[in-house]
């Protein structure tokens, strides 16, 4: 009985040592993501809206107004919220349902142009 226990312990130690030695060392250390550097410029005066608590994650044209972006004002945005319903669609700047997330709220994506560095 002692021999069986000793063989089982030796086999378990061997399997554990093999598993630990084949694990890639980079998997243990988390990698840092790059900061957002995407700059956008307002095509004209446009409203920044924040979704109400009962609207979900995407703003609508009826969402509360936070502030206005002036024409030519630069903002940083790396994320787009896509509305899948008729309520999230907008008519400004040619229409659509994609909203760029900026500081303070969301702006219709077509109302922003890529800013040159």
Protein backbone atom coordinates (compact mmCIF):
# COMPACT_ATOMS: atom_id res chain seq x y z
CA UNK A 1 0.00 0.00 0.00
CA UNK A 2 2.85 2.37 0.72
CA UNK A 3 4.36 1.57 -2.65
CA UNK A 4 1.15 2.53 -4.47
CA UNK A 5 0.94 5.83 -2.57
CA UNK A 6 4.59 6.59 -3.28
CA UNK A 7 4.15 5.88 -7.04
CA UNK A 8 1.03 8.10 -7.15
CA UNK A 9 2.84 10.96 -5.39
CA UNK A 10 5.84 10.66 -7.73
CA UNK A 11 3.60 10.63 -10.81
CA UNK A 12 1.64 13.67 -9.57
CA UNK A 13 4.86 15.58 -8.90
CA UNK A 14 6.16 14.72 -12.38
CA UNK A 15 2.94 15.93 -14.07
CA UNK A 16 2.97 19.16 -12.04
CA UNK A 17 6.63 19.85 -12.84
CA UNK A 18 6.02 19.23 -16.55
CA UNK A 19 3.02 21.55 -16.62
CA UNK A 20 4.90 24.33 -14.85
CA UNK A 21 7.97 24.05 -17.06
CA UNK A 22 5.99 24.24 -20.34
CA UNK A 23 3.93 27.32 -19.39
CA UNK A 24 5.04 30.41 -21.29
CA UNK A 25 6.60 33.03 -19.00
CA UNK A 26 4.78 35.90 -20.76
CA UNK A 27 1.38 34.52 -19.76
CA UNK A 28 2.01 35.36 -16.12
CA UNK A 29 2.71 39.07 -16.68
CA UNK A 30 -0.21 41.25 -17.87
CA UNK A 31 0.44 43.55 -20.78
CA UNK A 32 -0.43 47.23 -20.66
CA UNK A 33 -2.72 48.58 -23.38
CA UNK A 34 -1.72 51.58 -25.43
CA UNK A 35 -3.35 54.88 -24.48
CA UNK A 36 -6.02 56.35 -26.73
CA UNK A 37 -4.51 58.82 -29.21
CA UNK A 38 -7.37 59.09 -31.72
CA UNK A 39 -8.28 62.78 -32.17
CA UNK A 40 -11.47 63.98 -33.85
CA UNK A 41 -12.63 67.44 -34.92
CA UNK A 42 -16.25 68.65 -34.87
CA UNK A 43 -17.54 69.42 -38.38
CA UNK A 44 -19.94 72.03 -37.00
CA UNK A 45 -21.72 72.86 -33.74
CA UNK A 46 -22.92 69.52 -32.39
CA UNK A 47 -24.56 68.37 -29.16
CA UNK A 48 -22.87 66.02 -26.70
CA UNK A 49 -25.56 63.81 -25.18
CA UNK A 50 -25.43 61.41 -22.24
CA UNK A 51 -27.80 58.41 -22.23
CA UNK A 52 -30.48 58.53 -19.54
CA UNK A 53 -30.62 55.71 -16.99
CA UNK A 54 -33.58 54.07 -18.72
CA UNK A 55 -32.17 54.35 -22.29
CA UNK A 56 -29.37 51.82 -22.14
CA UNK A 57 -25.74 52.32 -23.20
CA UNK A 58 -26.37 54.24 -26.45
CA UNK A 59 -27.57 57.84 -26.59
CA UNK A 60 -30.66 58.93 -28.51
CA UNK A 61 -31.71 62.28 -29.91
CA UNK A 62 -33.92 62.66 -26.82
CA UNK A 63 -31.05 62.01 -24.39
CA UNK A 64 -30.11 64.79 -21.97
CA UNK A 65 -27.81 67.44 -23.44
CA UNK A 66 -24.47 67.79 -21.65
CA UNK A 67 -22.80 70.52 -23.73
CA UNK A 68 -22.06 71.57 -27.30
CA UNK A 69 -18.89 71.01 -29.30
CA UNK A 70 -17.97 74.11 -31.27
CA UNK A 71 -17.00 73.84 -34.93
CA UNK A 72 -13.36 72.77 -35.15
CA UNK A 73 -13.11 71.73 -31.48
CA UNK A 74 -10.88 68.67 -31.05
CA UNK A 75 -11.88 65.73 -28.86
CA UNK A 76 -10.37 62.34 -28.10
CA UNK A 77 -12.43 59.23 -28.88
CA UNK A 78 -11.43 55.59 -29.36
CA UNK A 79 -14.80 53.89 -28.87
CA UNK A 80 -17.98 53.84 -30.96
CA UNK A 81 -21.41 52.94 -29.56
CA UNK A 82 -23.71 51.41 -32.16
CA UNK A 83 -27.44 51.75 -31.63
CA UNK A 84 -29.51 48.94 -33.06
CA UNK A 85 -32.92 50.55 -32.80
CA UNK A 86 -34.88 53.37 -34.36
CA UNK A 87 -34.57 55.49 -31.22
CA UNK A 88 -30.78 55.71 -31.42
CA UNK A 89 -30.79 56.88 -35.05
CA UNK A 90 -30.06 60.55 -35.72
CA UNK A 91 -30.57 62.83 -38.71
CA UNK A 92 -27.73 65.28 -38.06
CA UNK A 93 -24.71 65.15 -40.36
CA UNK A 94 -26.30 62.71 -42.79
CA UNK A 95 -27.93 60.32 -40.33
CA UNK A 96 -26.89 57.03 -38.84
CA UNK A 97 -26.83 55.22 -35.52
CA UNK A 98 -23.13 55.25 -34.60
CA UNK A 99 -22.20 57.46 -31.65
CA UNK A 100 -18.58 58.32 -30.75
CA UNK A 101 -17.92 58.28 -27.01
CA UNK A 102 -16.19 61.49 -25.93
CA UNK A 103 -15.52 63.15 -22.59
CA UNK A 104 -18.90 63.80 -20.97
CA UNK A 105 -21.13 61.82 -23.33
CA UNK A 106 -21.67 60.73 -26.91
CA UNK A 107 -21.64 62.55 -30.26
CA UNK A 108 -23.03 61.35 -33.62
CA UNK A 109 -20.08 59.77 -35.42
CA UNK A 110 -20.69 61.47 -38.77
CA UNK A 111 -20.48 64.88 -37.11
CA UNK A 112 -16.79 64.28 -36.34
CA UNK A 113 -13.89 64.23 -38.78
CA UNK A 114 -10.46 62.74 -38.13
CA UNK A 115 -8.11 65.48 -36.87
CA UNK A 116 -4.62 65.71 -38.27
CA UNK A 117 -1.78 65.67 -35.73
